[in-house]
Protein backbone atom coordinates (compact mmCIF):
# COMPACT_ATOMS: atom_id res chain seq x y z
CA MET A 1 -215.24 -53.66 105.51
CA ALA A 2 -212.27 -51.35 105.95
CA LEU A 3 -208.93 -52.54 107.25
CA SER A 4 -207.85 -50.97 110.52
CA PRO A 5 -205.07 -48.39 110.42
CA GLU A 6 -203.09 -50.51 112.91
CA LEU A 7 -203.21 -53.52 110.57
CA LYS A 8 -202.15 -51.41 107.59
CA GLU A 9 -199.15 -50.18 109.57
CA ILE A 10 -197.78 -53.66 110.28
CA LEU A 11 -198.59 -55.43 106.99
CA ALA A 12 -195.76 -55.95 104.51
CA CYS A 13 -195.39 -57.96 101.34
CA PRO A 14 -194.68 -61.59 102.31
CA LYS A 15 -192.33 -61.97 99.34
CA CYS A 16 -190.11 -58.87 99.44
CA LYS A 17 -191.15 -57.38 102.83
CA GLY A 18 -191.84 -54.10 101.01
CA GLU A 19 -194.58 -51.53 101.32
CA LEU A 20 -198.10 -52.24 100.10
CA GLU A 21 -200.76 -50.25 98.30
CA PHE A 22 -204.23 -50.76 99.78
CA ARG A 23 -207.11 -50.81 97.31
CA GLU A 24 -209.95 -51.70 99.62
CA GLU A 25 -212.63 -50.61 97.14
CA GLU A 26 -211.28 -53.24 94.73
CA GLY A 27 -210.82 -55.82 97.48
CA GLU A 28 -207.07 -56.16 97.13
CA ILE A 29 -203.67 -55.17 98.44
CA ARG A 30 -200.87 -54.63 95.93
CA CYS A 31 -197.12 -54.87 96.08
CA LEU A 32 -195.85 -52.77 93.20
CA ALA A 33 -192.27 -54.03 93.63
CA CYS A 34 -193.25 -57.69 93.18
CA ARG A 35 -196.16 -56.90 90.84
CA LEU A 36 -198.52 -59.06 92.95
CA ALA A 37 -202.07 -58.44 94.20
CA TYR A 38 -203.36 -60.10 97.37
CA ARG A 39 -207.11 -60.35 97.86
CA ILE A 40 -209.12 -59.18 100.85
CA GLU A 41 -211.84 -61.68 101.82
CA ASP A 42 -214.52 -60.60 104.31
CA GLY A 43 -212.20 -57.89 105.63
CA ILE A 44 -209.27 -60.30 106.07
CA PRO A 45 -206.14 -59.94 103.89
CA VAL A 46 -205.06 -63.22 102.28
CA MET A 47 -201.29 -62.65 102.27
CA LEU A 48 -200.21 -65.96 100.72
CA ILE A 49 -197.72 -65.73 97.85
CA ASP A 50 -199.23 -68.80 96.15
CA GLU A 51 -202.68 -67.17 96.18
CA ALA A 52 -201.57 -63.77 94.87
CA ARG A 53 -202.32 -62.80 91.30
CA PRO A 54 -199.78 -61.12 89.03
CA ILE A 55 -200.42 -57.48 88.18
CA PRO A 56 -200.11 -56.92 84.43
């Protein structure tokens, strides 16, 4: 399920408040500044810092 353009516009990294890279095909949203990936579950972004995985 694709994220709406309106949601993409307002989402920001919860840690640094920076811009995000949306990788919907992979089921995740990435913050390249923080090197964190947030998962998308059933079309809902899980934007919790504690649940993010580090990007190698």
